[in-house]
């Protein structure tokens, strides 16, 4: 889990995790605080995840922390960072 915060409330939260599912291992990405509701997406294990495309799907809510374009850009960066951190994690 990674959080980006400039004031008292998070501007963005991104979680990335590997999960086991009935139909095989999956990679899950959860994004919160940038939108009205958290967004959860599952990807097949090994499926490439395009952070820019995923961020483009979100209904970003502009606020005093940033406009829609800025928050979408930061979201894509944090998705990439969370996935990179997951790939580096010794826990599987």
N, C-alpha and C. Protein backbone atom coordinates (compact mmCIF):
# COMPACT_ATOMS: atom_id res chain seq x y z
N UNK A 1 0.85 -1.18 0.00
CA UNK A 1 0.00 0.00 0.00
C UNK A 1 0.88 1.23 0.00
N UNK A 2 0.54 2.17 -0.86
CA UNK A 2 1.26 3.44 -0.92
C UNK A 2 0.24 4.58 -0.88
N UNK A 3 0.58 5.61 -0.12
CA UNK A 3 -0.32 6.74 0.04
C UNK A 3 0.41 8.02 -0.34
N UNK A 4 -0.28 8.88 -1.08
CA UNK A 4 0.22 10.21 -1.40
C UNK A 4 -0.67 11.19 -0.67
N UNK A 5 -0.03 12.03 0.17
CA UNK A 5 -0.81 12.95 0.99
C UNK A 5 -0.09 14.27 1.10
N UNK A 6 -0.80 15.36 0.81
CA UNK A 6 -0.22 16.69 0.94
C UNK A 6 -0.88 17.49 2.05
N UNK A 7 -2.05 17.06 2.48
CA UNK A 7 -2.78 17.75 3.55
C UNK A 7 -3.25 16.71 4.56
N UNK A 8 -4.29 17.03 5.31
CA UNK A 8 -4.74 16.09 6.35
C UNK A 8 -5.42 14.85 5.80
N UNK A 9 -5.88 14.87 4.58
CA UNK A 9 -6.54 13.71 3.99
C UNK A 9 -5.74 13.23 2.79
N UNK A 10 -5.68 11.91 2.59
CA UNK A 10 -4.90 11.39 1.45
C UNK A 10 -5.45 11.91 0.11
N UNK A 11 -4.54 12.22 -0.78
CA UNK A 11 -4.89 12.59 -2.14
C UNK A 11 -5.10 11.33 -2.97
N UNK A 12 -4.36 10.28 -2.59
CA UNK A 12 -4.38 9.04 -3.35
C UNK A 12 -3.87 7.89 -2.50
N UNK A 13 -4.48 6.74 -2.65
CA UNK A 13 -3.98 5.51 -2.04
C UNK A 13 -4.01 4.41 -3.09
N UNK A 14 -2.92 3.67 -3.21
CA UNK A 14 -2.84 2.57 -4.17
C UNK A 14 -2.33 1.33 -3.46
N UNK A 15 -3.04 0.24 -3.61
CA UNK A 15 -2.59 -1.04 -3.06
C UNK A 15 -2.45 -2.02 -4.22
N UNK A 16 -1.38 -2.81 -4.17
CA UNK A 16 -1.16 -3.85 -5.17
C UNK A 16 -0.82 -5.12 -4.42
N UNK A 17 -1.45 -6.23 -4.79
CA UNK A 17 -1.18 -7.49 -4.12
C UNK A 17 -1.40 -8.66 -5.04
N UNK A 18 -0.70 -9.75 -4.72
CA UNK A 18 -0.90 -11.02 -5.41
C UNK A 18 -1.88 -11.82 -4.58
N UNK A 19 -2.88 -12.41 -5.25
CA UNK A 19 -3.87 -13.20 -4.54
C UNK A 19 -4.06 -14.54 -5.25
N UNK A 20 -4.51 -15.51 -4.47
CA UNK A 20 -4.89 -16.79 -5.06
C UNK A 20 -6.40 -16.76 -5.26
N UNK A 21 -6.83 -17.29 -6.37
CA UNK A 21 -8.25 -17.30 -6.69
C UNK A 21 -8.59 -18.68 -7.23
N UNK A 22 -9.87 -19.02 -7.26
CA UNK A 22 -10.30 -20.34 -7.74
C UNK A 22 -9.79 -20.62 -9.15
N UNK A 23 -9.72 -19.60 -9.97
CA UNK A 23 -9.26 -19.79 -11.35
C UNK A 23 -7.79 -19.43 -11.53
N UNK A 24 -7.01 -19.46 -10.46
CA UNK A 24 -5.57 -19.26 -10.54
C UNK A 24 -5.11 -17.99 -9.86
N UNK A 25 -3.80 -17.78 -9.85
CA UNK A 25 -3.26 -16.58 -9.20
C UNK A 25 -3.62 -15.32 -9.97
N UNK A 26 -3.83 -14.25 -9.22
CA UNK A 26 -4.18 -12.97 -9.82
C UNK A 26 -3.37 -11.87 -9.16
N UNK A 27 -3.32 -10.76 -9.84
CA UNK A 27 -2.73 -9.55 -9.29
C UNK A 27 -3.87 -8.55 -9.15
N UNK A 28 -3.97 -7.94 -7.98
CA UNK A 28 -5.07 -7.00 -7.71
C UNK A 28 -4.50 -5.61 -7.48
N UNK A 29 -5.17 -4.61 -8.06
CA UNK A 29 -4.83 -3.20 -7.86
C UNK A 29 -6.07 -2.51 -7.32
N UNK A 30 -5.90 -1.79 -6.20
CA UNK A 30 -7.00 -1.04 -5.59
C UNK A 30 -6.56 0.42 -5.51
N UNK A 31 -7.43 1.31 -5.95
CA UNK A 31 -7.14 2.74 -5.94
C UNK A 31 -8.23 3.46 -5.16
N UNK A 32 -7.81 4.28 -4.22
CA UNK A 32 -8.77 5.02 -3.41
C UNK A 32 -8.37 6.47 -3.27
N UNK A 33 -9.30 7.26 -2.79
CA UNK A 33 -9.15 8.68 -2.47
C UNK A 33 -9.13 9.60 -3.69
N UNK A 34 -8.75 9.15 -4.84
CA UNK A 34 -8.72 10.00 -6.03
C UNK A 34 -10.10 10.09 -6.69
N UNK A 35 -10.96 9.14 -6.36
CA UNK A 35 -12.30 9.05 -6.96
C UNK A 35 -13.35 9.06 -5.84
N UNK A 36 -14.60 9.15 -6.24
CA UNK A 36 -15.70 9.09 -5.26
C UNK A 36 -15.68 7.76 -4.51
N UNK A 37 -15.47 6.67 -5.25
CA UNK A 37 -15.45 5.33 -4.67
C UNK A 37 -14.15 4.63 -5.02
N UNK A 38 -13.67 3.76 -4.15
CA UNK A 38 -12.46 3.00 -4.50
C UNK A 38 -12.70 2.15 -5.74
N UNK A 39 -11.63 1.92 -6.50
CA UNK A 39 -11.70 1.09 -7.70
C UNK A 39 -10.81 -0.13 -7.50
N UNK A 40 -11.33 -1.29 -7.81
CA UNK A 40 -10.59 -2.54 -7.69
C UNK A 40 -10.56 -3.22 -9.04
N UNK A 41 -9.36 -3.65 -9.46
CA UNK A 41 -9.24 -4.39 -10.73
C UNK A 41 -8.34 -5.60 -10.50
N UNK A 42 -8.76 -6.74 -11.02
CA UNK A 42 -7.96 -7.95 -10.98
C UNK A 42 -7.39 -8.22 -12.37
N UNK A 43 -6.16 -8.71 -12.39
CA UNK A 43 -5.48 -9.05 -13.63
C UNK A 43 -4.94 -10.46 -13.50
N UNK A 44 -4.93 -11.21 -14.58
CA UNK A 44 -4.33 -12.54 -14.56
C UNK A 44 -2.85 -12.40 -14.23
N UNK A 45 -2.34 -13.35 -13.47
CA UNK A 45 -0.93 -13.33 -13.12
C UNK A 45 -0.09 -13.33 -14.40
N UNK A 46 0.86 -12.43 -14.49
CA UNK A 46 1.69 -12.33 -15.69
C UNK A 46 1.15 -11.40 -16.75
N UNK A 47 -0.13 -11.01 -16.64
CA UNK A 47 -0.72 -10.07 -17.60
C UNK A 47 -0.11 -8.69 -17.39
N UNK A 48 0.35 -8.04 -18.45
CA UNK A 48 0.92 -6.71 -18.27
C UNK A 48 -0.15 -5.72 -17.80
N UNK A 49 0.22 -4.85 -16.89
CA UNK A 49 -0.70 -3.85 -16.37
C UNK A 49 -0.21 -2.48 -16.83
N UNK A 50 -1.03 -1.82 -17.62
CA UNK A 50 -0.71 -0.50 -18.15
C UNK A 50 -1.23 0.55 -17.17
N UNK A 51 -0.34 1.13 -16.39
CA UNK A 51 -0.72 2.09 -15.35
C UNK A 51 -1.40 3.32 -15.94
N UNK A 52 -0.92 3.80 -17.08
CA UNK A 52 -1.52 4.97 -17.73
C UNK A 52 -2.97 4.69 -18.15
N UNK A 53 -3.19 3.51 -18.74
CA UNK A 53 -4.53 3.14 -19.19
C UNK A 53 -5.46 2.95 -17.99
N UNK A 54 -4.95 2.35 -16.94
CA UNK A 54 -5.76 2.13 -15.74
C UNK A 54 -6.15 3.47 -15.12
N UNK A 55 -5.21 4.39 -15.02
CA UNK A 55 -5.50 5.72 -14.49
C UNK A 55 -6.49 6.47 -15.38
N UNK A 56 -6.42 6.24 -16.69
CA UNK A 56 -7.33 6.92 -17.62
C UNK A 56 -8.78 6.48 -17.44
N UNK A 57 -8.99 5.29 -16.90
CA UNK A 57 -10.35 4.76 -16.69
C UNK A 57 -11.05 5.40 -15.50
N UNK A 58 -10.31 6.01 -14.61
CA UNK A 58 -10.87 6.52 -13.36
C UNK A 58 -11.66 7.79 -13.54
N UNK A 59 -12.67 7.95 -12.72
CA UNK A 59 -13.44 9.20 -12.67
C UNK A 59 -12.84 10.04 -11.54
N UNK A 60 -11.75 10.71 -11.84
CA UNK A 60 -11.00 11.49 -10.87
C UNK A 60 -11.82 12.69 -10.39
N UNK A 61 -11.76 12.94 -9.09
CA UNK A 61 -12.45 14.09 -8.51
C UNK A 61 -11.41 15.17 -8.22
N UNK A 62 -11.46 16.28 -8.95
CA UNK A 62 -10.53 17.37 -8.67
C UNK A 62 -10.86 18.01 -7.32
N UNK A 63 -9.84 18.44 -6.61
CA UNK A 63 -10.04 19.11 -5.33
C UNK A 63 -8.86 20.04 -5.08
N UNK A 64 -8.71 20.53 -3.87
CA UNK A 64 -7.63 21.48 -3.60
C UNK A 64 -6.24 20.84 -3.69
N UNK A 65 -6.18 19.50 -3.67
CA UNK A 65 -4.89 18.81 -3.81
C UNK A 65 -4.43 18.73 -5.27
N UNK A 66 -5.34 18.95 -6.21
CA UNK A 66 -4.95 18.92 -7.61
C UNK A 66 -6.12 18.79 -8.55
N UNK A 67 -5.89 19.21 -9.79
CA UNK A 67 -6.93 19.06 -10.80
C UNK A 67 -6.92 17.63 -11.34
N UNK A 68 -7.86 17.33 -12.21
CA UNK A 68 -8.02 15.98 -12.73
C UNK A 68 -6.77 15.49 -13.46
N UNK A 69 -6.19 16.31 -14.29
CA UNK A 69 -5.00 15.91 -15.06
C UNK A 69 -3.82 15.57 -14.13
N UNK A 70 -3.58 16.42 -13.14
CA UNK A 70 -2.49 16.20 -12.20
C UNK A 70 -2.71 14.91 -11.40
N UNK A 71 -3.91 14.74 -10.87
CA UNK A 71 -4.19 13.57 -10.04
C UNK A 71 -4.14 12.28 -10.86
N UNK A 72 -4.55 12.33 -12.13
CA UNK A 72 -4.46 11.15 -13.00
C UNK A 72 -2.99 10.78 -13.24
N UNK A 73 -2.15 11.79 -13.45
CA UNK A 73 -0.72 11.57 -13.65
C UNK A 73 -0.08 10.94 -12.40
N UNK A 74 -0.36 11.50 -11.25
CA UNK A 74 0.17 10.97 -9.99
C UNK A 74 -0.34 9.54 -9.74
N UNK A 75 -1.59 9.29 -10.08
CA UNK A 75 -2.15 7.95 -9.90
C UNK A 75 -1.39 6.94 -10.75
N UNK A 76 -1.11 7.25 -11.99
CA UNK A 76 -0.36 6.32 -12.85
C UNK A 76 1.03 6.04 -12.28
N UNK A 77 1.68 7.07 -11.78
CA UNK A 77 3.01 6.89 -11.18
C UNK A 77 2.93 5.98 -9.96
N UNK A 78 1.94 6.19 -9.11
CA UNK A 78 1.82 5.39 -7.90
C UNK A 78 1.40 3.95 -8.20
N UNK A 79 0.63 3.73 -9.25
CA UNK A 79 0.32 2.36 -9.66
C UNK A 79 1.61 1.65 -10.06
N UNK A 80 2.43 2.32 -10.87
CA UNK A 80 3.71 1.73 -11.28
C UNK A 80 4.60 1.45 -10.08
N UNK A 81 4.67 2.37 -9.14
CA UNK A 81 5.51 2.19 -7.95
C UNK A 81 5.01 1.04 -7.08
N UNK A 82 3.71 0.96 -6.90
CA UNK A 82 3.15 -0.13 -6.07
C UNK A 82 3.42 -1.48 -6.72
N UNK A 83 3.27 -1.57 -8.03
CA UNK A 83 3.54 -2.83 -8.72
C UNK A 83 5.03 -3.19 -8.66
N UNK A 84 5.89 -2.20 -8.80
CA UNK A 84 7.34 -2.44 -8.70
C UNK A 84 7.69 -2.92 -7.31
N UNK A 85 7.11 -2.30 -6.30
CA UNK A 85 7.37 -2.72 -4.92
C UNK A 85 6.88 -4.14 -4.68
N UNK A 86 5.74 -4.48 -5.26
CA UNK A 86 5.21 -5.84 -5.14
C UNK A 86 6.16 -6.84 -5.79
N UNK A 87 6.70 -6.50 -6.93
CA UNK A 87 7.65 -7.39 -7.63
C UNK A 87 8.93 -7.58 -6.82
N UNK A 88 9.31 -6.58 -6.04
CA UNK A 88 10.52 -6.67 -5.21
C UNK A 88 10.29 -7.39 -3.90
N UNK A 89 9.04 -7.55 -3.50
CA UNK A 89 8.71 -8.13 -2.19
C UNK A 89 9.14 -9.59 -2.11
N UNK A 90 9.82 -9.98 -1.00
CA UNK A 90 10.20 -11.37 -0.83
C UNK A 90 9.02 -12.24 -0.42
N UNK A 91 7.93 -11.65 0.02
CA UNK A 91 6.74 -12.41 0.45
C UNK A 91 5.85 -12.67 -0.74
N UNK A 92 5.55 -13.91 -1.00
CA UNK A 92 4.70 -14.29 -2.13
C UNK A 92 3.61 -15.20 -1.66
